[in-house]
C-alpha atoms as a PDB file:
ATOM      1  CA  MET A   1       6.475 147.209  15.120  1.00  0.00           C
ATOM      2  CA  MET A   2       6.961 150.802  16.340  1.00  0.00           C
ATOM      3  CA  SER A   3       7.952 153.313  13.684  1.00  0.00           C
ATOM      4  CA  PRO A   4      11.180 155.321  14.126  1.00  0.00           C
ATOM      5  CA  ARG A   5       9.230 158.561  14.438  1.00  0.00           C
ATOM      6  CA  LYS A   6       7.027 157.170  17.205  1.00  0.00           C
ATOM      7  CA  SER A   7       9.954 155.722  19.088  1.00  0.00           C
ATOM      8  CA  SER A   8      11.809 159.060  18.992  1.00  0.00           C
ATOM      9  CA  ALA A   9       8.667 160.790  20.191  1.00  0.00           C
ATOM     10  CA  GLU A  10       8.340 158.358  23.085  1.00  0.00           C
ATOM     11  CA  GLY A  11      11.937 158.977  24.049  1.00  0.00           C
ATOM     12  CA  THR A  12      11.518 162.789  24.113  1.00  0.00           C
ATOM     13  CA  ARG A  13       8.204 162.955  25.970  1.00  0.00           C
ATOM     14  CA  PRO A  14       8.253 165.884  28.381  1.00  0.00           C
ATOM     15  CA  GLY A  15       6.315 163.942  31.019  1.00  0.00           C
ATOM     16  CA  ALA A  16       8.607 160.907  31.058  1.00  0.00           C
ATOM     17  CA  SER A  17      10.332 160.180  34.434  1.00  0.00           C
ATOM     18  CA  THR A  18      14.104 160.455  34.461  1.00  0.00           C
ATOM     19  CA  GLY A  19      14.590 159.553  38.135  1.00  0.00           C
ATOM     20  CA  PRO A  20      15.241 161.780  41.144  1.00  0.00           C
ATOM     21  CA  ARG A  21      17.556 164.699  40.637  1.00  0.00           C
ATOM     22  CA  SER A  22      17.542 166.588  43.928  1.00  0.00           C
ATOM     23  CA  ALA A  23      19.436 165.460  47.015  1.00  0.00           C
ATOM     24  CA  GLU A  24      16.250 164.767  48.967  1.00  0.00           C
ATOM     25  CA  GLY A  25      14.819 162.736  46.107  1.00  0.00           C
ATOM     26  CA  LYS A  26      17.978 160.692  45.821  1.00  0.00           C
ATOM     27  CA  ALA A  27      17.865 160.048  49.570  1.00  0.00           C
ATOM     28  CA  ARG A  28      14.311 158.763  49.368  1.00  0.00           C
ATOM     29  CA  SER A  29      15.251 156.628  46.413  1.00  0.00           C
ATOM     30  CA  SER A  30      18.174 155.138  48.301  1.00  0.00           C
ATOM     31  CA  MET A  31      15.788 153.970  51.021  1.00  0.00           C
ATOM     32  CA  ASN A  32      14.171 151.586  48.575  1.00  0.00           C
ATOM     33  CA  ALA A  33      17.492 149.842  47.937  1.00  0.00           C
ATOM     34  CA  LEU A  34      17.902 148.675  51.576  1.00  0.00           C
ATOM     35  CA  LYS A  35      16.222 145.314  51.806  1.00  0.00           C
ATOM     36  CA  SER A  36      15.668 143.318  54.938  1.00  0.00           C
ATOM     37  CA  GLY A  37      18.122 140.551  55.764  1.00  0.00           C
ATOM     38  CA  ILE A  38      15.382 138.257  57.103  1.00  0.00           C
ATOM     39  CA  TYR A  39      14.391 135.258  54.998  1.00  0.00           C
ATOM     40  CA  SER A  40      11.242 133.364  55.889  1.00  0.00           C
ATOM     41  CA  LYS A  41      12.730 129.955  55.066  1.00  0.00           C
ATOM     42  CA  SER A  42      15.572 130.389  57.524  1.00  0.00           C
ATOM     43  CA  LEU A  43      13.468 131.573  60.496  1.00  0.00           C
ATOM     44  CA  THR A  44      10.411 129.346  60.316  1.00  0.00           C
ATOM     45  CA  ILE A  45      10.075 125.891  61.843  1.00  0.00           C
ATOM     46  CA  PRO A  46       7.571 123.127  61.072  1.00  0.00           C
ATOM     47  CA  GLY A  47       4.108 124.316  62.025  1.00  0.00           C
ATOM     48  CA  GLU A  48       4.730 127.979  61.101  1.00  0.00           C
ATOM     49  CA  ASP A  49       3.566 129.800  57.975  1.00  0.00           C
ATOM     50  CA  PRO A  50       6.431 131.569  56.083  1.00  0.00           C
ATOM     51  CA  ALA A  51       3.914 133.893  54.421  1.00  0.00           C
ATOM     52  CA  LYS A  52       2.983 135.387  57.784  1.00  0.00           C
ATOM     53  CA  LEU A  53       6.638 136.153  58.469  1.00  0.00           C
ATOM     54  CA  ASP A  54       6.964 137.867  55.082  1.00  0.00           C
ATOM     55  CA  THR A  55       3.896 139.961  55.873  1.00  0.00           C
ATOM     56  CA  LEU A  56       5.309 140.929  59.261  1.00  0.00           C
ATOM     57  CA  ARG A  57       8.623 141.923  57.696  1.00  0.00           C
ATOM     58  CA  ASP A  58       6.965 144.083  55.037  1.00  0.00           C
ATOM     59  CA  GLU A  59       4.853 145.842  57.680  1.00  0.00           C
ATOM     60  CA  TYR A  60       7.912 146.850  59.720  1.00  0.00           C
ATOM     61  CA  VAL A  61       9.859 147.965  56.642  1.00  0.00           C
ATOM     62  CA  GLN A  62       6.955 150.155  55.490  1.00  0.00           C
ATOM     63  CA  ARG A  63       6.521 151.520  59.001  1.00  0.00           C
ATOM     64  CA  PHE A  64      10.139 152.625  59.605  1.00  0.00           C
ATOM     65  CA  CYS A  65      11.587 152.848  56.035  1.00  0.00           C
ATOM     66  CA  PRO A  66      15.213 152.278  57.040  1.00  0.00           C
ATOM     67  CA  ALA A  67      17.565 154.563  55.123  1.00  0.00           C
ATOM     68  CA  LEU A  68      20.864 153.389  56.590  1.00  0.00           C
ATOM     69  CA  PRO A  69      22.337 149.926  57.140  1.00  0.00           C
ATOM     70  CA  GLU A  70      22.242 150.279  60.933  1.00  0.00           C
ATOM     71  CA  GLN A  71      18.557 151.223  60.762  1.00  0.00           C
ATOM     72  CA  ARG A  72      17.889 148.201  58.576  1.00  0.00           C
ATOM     73  CA  ASP A  73      19.560 145.918  61.130  1.00  0.00           C
ATOM     74  CA  LEU A  74      17.480 147.344  63.965  1.00  0.00           C
ATOM     75  CA  VAL A  75      14.293 146.759  61.956  1.00  0.00           C
ATOM     76  CA  ASP A  76      15.359 143.128  61.452  1.00  0.00           C
ATOM     77  CA  ILE A  77      15.765 142.786  65.234  1.00  0.00           C
ATOM     78  CA  LEU A  78      12.216 144.089  65.731  1.00  0.00           C
ATOM     79  CA  VAL A  79      10.829 141.618  63.192  1.00  0.00           C
ATOM     80  CA  ARG A  80      12.764 138.688  64.650  1.00  0.00           C
ATOM     81  CA  SER A  81      11.766 139.561  68.226  1.00  0.00           C
ATOM     82  CA  THR A  82       8.089 139.888  67.339  1.00  0.00           C
ATOM     83  CA  TRP A  83       8.114 136.570  65.499  1.00  0.00           C
ATOM     84  CA  THR A  84       9.867 134.873  68.452  1.00  0.00           C
ATOM     85  CA  LEU A  85       7.309 136.237  70.929  1.00  0.00           C
ATOM     86  CA  ARG A  86       4.500 134.812  68.808  1.00  0.00           C
ATOM     87  CA  ARG A  87       6.283 131.436  68.813  1.00  0.00           C
ATOM     88  CA  PHE A  88       6.630 131.506  72.605  1.00  0.00           C
ATOM     89  CA  ALA A  89       2.906 132.203  72.960  1.00  0.00           C
ATOM     90  CA  VAL A  90       2.088 129.120  70.898  1.00  0.00           C
ATOM     91  CA  ALA A  91       4.651 127.080  72.855  1.00  0.00           C
ATOM     92  CA  GLU A  92       3.086 128.059  76.176  1.00  0.00           C
ATOM     93  CA  ALA A  93      -0.360 126.931  75.057  1.00  0.00           C
ATOM     94  CA  GLN A  94       1.045 123.643  73.792  1.00  0.00           C
ATOM     95  CA  ILE A  95       2.846 123.035  77.119  1.00  0.00           C
ATOM     96  CA  TRP A  96      -0.464 123.290  78.999  1.00  0.00           C
ATOM     97  CA  SER A  97      -2.157 120.903  76.578  1.00  0.00           C
ATOM     98  CA  TYR A  98       0.743 118.457  76.682  1.00  0.00           C
ATOM     99  CA  GLU A  99       0.824 118.257  80.489  1.00  0.00           C
ATOM    100  CA  MET A 100      -2.938 117.791  80.673  1.00  0.00           C
ATOM    101  CA  ASP A 101      -2.827 114.980  78.130  1.00  0.00           C
ATOM    102  CA  ARG A 102       0.050 113.095  79.748  1.00  0.00           C
ATOM    103  CA  ALA A 103      -1.400 113.245  83.258  1.00  0.00           C
ATOM    104  CA  PHE A 104      -2.552 109.776  84.395  1.00  0.00           C
ATOM    105  CA  GLU A 105      -5.485 111.093  86.458  1.00  0.00           C
ATOM    106  CA  LEU A 106      -6.117 114.791  85.862  1.00  0.00           C
ATOM    107  CA  ASP A 107      -7.963 116.611  88.633  1.00  0.00           C
ATOM    108  CA  GLU A 108     -11.408 117.431  87.316  1.00  0.00           C
ATOM    109  CA  ASN A 109     -11.979 120.364  89.672  1.00  0.00           C
ATOM    110  CA  SER A 110      -8.622 122.105  88.976  1.00  0.00           C
ATOM    111  CA  PRO A 111      -7.095 120.758  85.753  1.00  0.00           C
ATOM    112  CA  ILE A 112      -5.076 123.930  85.030  1.00  0.00           C
ATOM    113  CA  GLY A 113      -3.492 123.990  88.472  1.00  0.00           C
ATOM    114  CA  HIS A 114      -2.701 120.296  88.173  1.00  0.00           C
ATOM    115  CA  ALA A 115      -0.961 120.861  84.821  1.00  0.00           C
ATOM    116  CA  PHE A 116       0.937 123.871  86.185  1.00  0.00           C
ATOM    117  CA  CYS A 117       2.340 121.852  89.069  1.00  0.00           C
ATOM    118  CA  ARG A 118       3.691 119.357  86.567  1.00  0.00           C
ATOM    119  CA  SER A 119       5.270 121.994  84.256  1.00  0.00           C
ATOM    120  CA  ASP A 120       6.199 124.863  86.568  1.00  0.00           C
ATOM    121  CA  ARG A 121       9.944 124.594  85.773  1.00  0.00           C
ATOM    122  CA  THR A 122       9.342 124.556  82.031  1.00  0.00           C
ATOM    123  CA  LEU A 123       7.012 127.540  82.195  1.00  0.00           C
ATOM    124  CA  THR A 124       9.509 129.464  84.356  1.00  0.00           C
ATOM    125  CA  ARG A 125      12.277 128.893  81.824  1.00  0.00           C
ATOM    126  CA  LEU A 126       9.943 129.948  79.020  1.00  0.00           C
ATOM    127  CA  GLN A 127       9.040 133.172  80.853  1.00  0.00           C
ATOM    128  CA  ARG A 128      12.745 134.074  81.177  1.00  0.00           C
ATOM    129  CA  MET A 129      13.134 133.675  77.421  1.00  0.00           C
ATOM    130  CA  VAL A 130      10.066 135.866  76.847  1.00  0.00           C
ATOM    131  CA  ASN A 131      11.446 138.600  79.136  1.00  0.00           C
ATOM    132  CA  SER A 132      14.816 138.572  77.356  1.00  0.00           C
ATOM    133  CA  THR A 133      13.179 138.843  73.930  1.00  0.00           C
ATOM    134  CA  GLN A 134      10.964 141.717  75.035  1.00  0.00           C
ATOM    135  CA  ARG A 135      13.979 143.536  76.425  1.00  0.00           C
ATOM    136  CA  ASN A 136      15.801 143.167  73.088  1.00  0.00           C
ATOM    137  CA  TYR A 137      12.734 144.519  71.304  1.00  0.00           C
ATOM    138  CA  ARG A 138      12.570 147.620  73.505  1.00  0.00           C
ATOM    139  CA  ASP A 139      16.283 148.341  73.165  1.00  0.00           C
ATOM    140  CA  ALA A 140      16.181 148.012  69.369  1.00  0.00           C
ATOM    141  CA  LEU A 141      13.081 150.231  69.096  1.00  0.00           C
ATOM    142  CA  LYS A 142      14.624 152.930  71.270  1.00  0.00           C
ATOM    143  CA  GLU A 143      17.871 152.951  69.279  1.00  0.00           C
ATOM    144  CA  LEU A 144      16.016 152.993  65.952  1.00  0.00           C
ATOM    145  CA  GLU A 145      13.928 156.002  66.982  1.00  0.00           C
ATOM    146  CA  ARG A 146      17.086 157.816  68.076  1.00  0.00           C
ATOM    147  CA  LEU A 147      18.832 157.192  64.747  1.00  0.00           C
ATOM    148  CA  GLN A 148      15.840 158.265  62.690  1.00  0.00           C
ATOM    149  CA  ALA A 149      15.600 161.524  64.637  1.00  0.00           C
ATOM    150  CA  LEU A 150      19.102 162.478  63.499  1.00  0.00           C
ATOM    151  CA  PRO A 151      19.520 164.320  60.167  1.00  0.00           C
ATOM    152  CA  ILE A 152      20.943 162.258  57.353  1.00  0.00           C
ATOM    153  CA  ASP A 153      24.166 163.701  55.997  1.00  0.00           C
ATOM    154  CA  LEU A 154      23.985 163.251  52.226  1.00  0.00           C
ATOM    155  CA  ASP A 155      27.234 165.073  51.498  1.00  0.00           C
ATOM    156  CA  LEU A 156      29.618 162.333  52.401  1.00  0.00           C
ATOM    157  CA  PRO A 157      33.246 163.432  52.599  1.00  0.00           C
ATOM    158  CA  PRO A 158      35.339 162.105  49.750  1.00  0.00           C
ATOM    159  CA  ALA A 159      37.592 159.253  50.475  1.00  0.00           C
ATOM    160  CA  PRO A 160      41.094 160.396  51.302  1.00  0.00           C
ATOM    161  CA  VAL A 161      43.560 159.983  48.492  1.00  0.00           C
ATOM    162  CA  ILE A 162      46.656 158.221  49.607  1.00  0.00           C
ATOM    163  CA  GLU A 163      49.666 159.343  47.676  1.00  0.00           C
ATOM    164  CA  ILE A 164      52.533 156.959  47.481  1.00  0.00           C
ATOM    165  CA  VAL A 165      55.716 158.969  47.755  1.00  0.00           C
ATOM    166  CA  PRO A 166      58.753 157.089  46.531  1.00  0.00           C
ATOM    167  CA  PRO A 167      61.624 157.080  48.964  1.00  0.00           C
ATOM    168  CA  PRO A 168      64.353 159.596  48.225  1.00  0.00           C
ATOM    169  CA  GLU A 169      67.271 158.213  46.379  1.00  0.00           C
ATOM    170  CA  ALA A 170      70.436 157.914  48.365  1.00  0.00           C
ATOM    171  CA  PRO A 171      73.168 160.290  47.145  1.00  0.00           C
ATOM    172  CA  THR A 172      75.914 158.625  45.240  1.00  0.00           C
ATOM    173  CA  PRO A 173      79.074 158.749  47.333  1.00  0.00           C
ATOM    174  CA  SER A 174      81.970 160.533  45.672  1.00  0.00           C
ATOM    175  CA  PRO A 175      85.016 158.380  45.048  1.00  0.00           C
ATOM    176  CA  ARG A 176      87.646 158.734  47.713  1.00  0.00           C
ATOM    177  CA  PRO A 177      91.230 159.507  46.719  1.00  0.00           C
ATOM    178  CA  PRO A 178      93.520 156.514  47.001  1.00  0.00           C
ATOM    179  CA  THR A 179      95.248 156.262  50.329  1.00  0.00           C
ATOM    180  CA  PRO A 180      99.042 156.467  49.907  1.00  0.00           C
ATOM    181  CA  ALA A 181     100.871 153.373  50.997  1.00  0.00           C
ATOM    182  CA  PRO A 182     103.022 153.762  54.097  1.00  0.00           C
ATOM    183  CA  PRO A 183     106.771 154.097  53.364  1.00  0.00           C
ATOM    184  CA  GLN A 184     108.656 150.853  53.510  1.00  0.00           C
ATOM    185  CA  PRO A 185     111.492 150.652  56.070  1.00  0.00           C
ATOM    186  CA  PRO A 186     114.992 150.554  54.531  1.00  0.00           C
ATOM    187  CA  GLU A 187     116.468 147.159  54.114  1.00  0.00           C
ATOM    188  CA  PRO A 188     119.256 146.375  56.596  1.00  0.00           C
ATOM    189  CA  LYS A 189     122.745 146.489  55.123  1.00  0.00           C
ATOM    190  CA  THR A 190     124.541 143.196  55.118  1.00  0.00           C
ATOM    191  CA  VAL A 191     127.818 143.206  57.031  1.00  0.00           C
ATOM    192  CA  ASN A 192     130.821 141.661  55.345  1.00  0.00           C
ATOM    193  CA  PRO A 193     133.157 140.331  58.072  1.00  0.00           C
ATOM    194  CA  SER A 194     136.196 140.645  55.803  1.00  0.00           C
ATOM    195  CA  ARG A 195     135.617 144.386  55.148  1.00  0.00           C
ATOM    196  CA  GLU A 196     134.431 145.548  58.573  1.00  0.00           C
ATOM    197  CA  PHE A 197     137.024 146.823  61.105  1.00  0.00           C
ATOM    198  CA  VAL A 198     137.195 144.950  64.403  1.00  0.00           C
ATOM    199  CA  SER A 199     139.037 146.574  67.249  1.00  0.00           C
ATOM    200  CA  SER A 200     141.740 144.424  68.845  1.00  0.00           C
ATOM    201  CA  SER A 201     141.144 146.029  72.230  1.00  0.00           C
ATOM    202  CA  SER A 202     137.614 144.570  72.574  1.00  0.00           C
ATOM    203  CA  ALA A 203     137.463 141.796  75.182  1.00  0.00           C
ATOM    204  CA  PRO A 204     136.363 138.400  73.992  1.00  0.00           C
ATOM    205  CA  PRO A 205     133.071 137.101  75.406  1.00  0.00           C
ATOM    206  CA  PRO A 206     133.392 134.852  78.485  1.00  0.00           C
ATOM    207  CA  PRO A 207     133.335 131.139  77.750  1.00  0.00           C
ATOM    208  CA  ILE A 208     130.094 129.308  78.347  1.00  0.00           C
ATOM    209  CA  ALA A 209     130.405 126.716  81.097  1.00  0.00           C
ATOM    210  CA  PRO A 210     129.418 123.264  79.908  1.00  0.00           C
ATOM    211  CA  LYS A 211     126.249 121.920  81.332  1.00  0.00           C
ATOM    212  CA  THR A 212     126.693 118.864  83.530  1.00  0.00           C
ATOM    213  CA  ALA A 213     124.040 116.233  83.909  1.00  0.00           C
ATOM    214  CA  PRO A 214     122.467 116.113  87.367  1.00  0.00           C
ATOM    215  CA  THR A 215     123.812 113.250  89.490  1.00  0.00           C
ATOM    216  CA  ALA A 216     121.452 111.015  91.400  1.00  0.00           C
ATOM    217  CA  PRO A 217     121.746 111.244  95.195  1.00  0.00           C
ATOM    218  CA  ARG A 218     123.915 108.503  96.725  1.00  0.00           C
ATOM    219  CA  LYS A 219     122.148 105.963  98.833  1.00  0.00           C
ATOM    220  CA  ALA A 220     123.171 106.058 102.512  1.00  0.00           C
ATOM    221  CA  LEU A 221     125.262 103.099 103.690  1.00  0.00           C
ATOM    222  CA  PRO A 222     123.648 100.750 106.227  1.00  0.00           C
ATOM    223  CA  TYR A 223     124.895 101.245 109.789  1.00  0.00           C
ATOM    224  CA  HIS A 224     124.800  97.509 110.692  1.00  0.00           C
ATOM    225  CA  GLN A 225     125.597  94.500 108.558  1.00  0.00           C
ATOM    226  CA  PRO A 226     122.450  93.438 106.712  1.00  0.00           C
ATOM    227  CA  GLY A 227     120.971  90.371 108.408  1.00  0.00           C
ATOM    228  CA  SER A 228     123.024  90.713 111.647  1.00  0.00           C
ATOM    229  CA  THR A 229     121.598  91.018 115.121  1.00  0.00           C
ATOM    230  CA  CYS A 230     124.168  93.542 116.284  1.00  0.00           C
ATOM    231  CA  CYS A 231     122.735  96.199 118.561  1.00  0.00           C
ATOM    232  CA  TRP A 232     125.873  98.321 119.209  1.00  0.00           C
ATOM    233  CA  GLU A 233     125.245 102.029 119.342  1.00  0.00           C
ATOM    234  CA  PRO A 234     127.829 104.717 120.176  1.00  0.00           C
ATOM    235  CA  ALA A 235     127.493 105.848 123.788  1.00  0.00           C
ATOM    236  CA  ASP A 236     129.032 109.228 122.991  1.00  0.00           C
ATOM    237  CA  PRO A 237     127.678 110.576 119.664  1.00  0.00           C
ATOM    238  CA  ILE A 238     130.175 113.437 119.638  1.00  0.00           C
ATOM    239  CA  LYS A 239     133.133 111.133 120.055  1.00  0.00           C
ATOM    240  CA  TYR A 240     131.942 108.731 117.402  1.00  0.00           C
ATOM    241  CA  ARG A 241     130.562 111.357 115.015  1.00  0.00           C
ATOM    242  CA  ASN A 242     132.915 110.225 112.194  1.00  0.00           C
ATOM    243  CA  TYR A 243     131.870 106.626 112.440  1.00  0.00           C
ATOM    244  CA  LYS A 244     129.536 106.114 109.517  1.00  0.00           C
ATOM    245  CA  GLN A 245     129.044 102.380 110.184  1.00  0.00           C
ATOM    246  CA  CYS A 246     129.091 100.013 113.152  1.00  0.00           C
ATOM    247  CA  ILE A 247     132.685  99.096 114.181  1.00  0.00           C
ATOM    248  CA  SER A 248     131.549  95.602 115.153  1.00  0.00           C
ATOM    249  CA  CYS A 249     129.888  94.858 111.830  1.00  0.00           C
ATOM    250  CA  PHE A 250     132.408  96.761 109.679  1.00  0.00           C
ATOM    251  CA  PRO A 251     135.776  96.716 111.449  1.00  0.00           C
ATOM    252  CA  ASP A 252     137.583  97.641 108.211  1.00  0.00           C
ATOM    253  CA  GLN A 253     135.587 100.907 108.037  1.00  0.00           C
ATOM    254  CA  VAL A 254     136.969 102.283 111.310  1.00  0.00           C
ATOM    255  CA  PRO A 255     138.367 105.792 110.578  1.00  0.00           C
ATOM    256  CA  SER A 256     141.968 106.669 111.227  1.00  0.00           C
ATOM    257  CA  SER A 257     143.079 108.698 114.151  1.00  0.00           C
ATOM    258  CA  ASP A 258     143.192 111.868 112.037  1.00  0.00           C
ATOM    259  CA  GLU A 259     139.605 111.346 110.853  1.00  0.00           C
ATOM    260  CA  ARG A 260     138.452 110.681 114.370  1.00  0.00           C
ATOM    261  CA  ASP A 261     139.813 114.003 115.594  1.00  0.00           C
END
């Protein structure tokens, strides 16, 4: 067990490290905290060694020492692209072997050409994947070199403080004086017929004519006797204008001499 005196001496040693104090030292120390986001178990397939992927990742991290998150992501792209290119190289060799083995009668003089004729489409598709991966590698390397050439700004601006200003209180409206009620009209004075003076010279109102009920129009009398075959018609309509009915069918309806004139 360490004595109290020895422990206090160990704690106050002048040569003991207390961590970086300068801005540059803190920046270098922050680089060590950025770890790669690549995990060997998630990127390896059966037939691949996860330890080799870990070694490749450590080599790229030591080579570029990413100090910012975007630099770390670009380093991961370089590691993933390099590992994929190695996988494509193994796949190409296995395609040649597979086509040679499955050929029924392989040409002894040109076995490679025979296998290529059988797998030309597969090899063409593989070459397109290789070209795309190499292009991603070059783009990531170019962007990483550009970012690392820029100076790192250690004096980050403080986060803006958002002040919450309460809304101004609405002024309390002053009470309005009561509105006076409009004056009521005077009540009409009742007229007493016994006390009011009525002039005797005033004309009485005209009498109202009684309303008579409308009478239905009288039905015109038939000119000939109903059911008769009489065909007498007055030869002179002006002379017989007062004859309302046929004189043959209704002799008793013949008008007098005064009515005829």
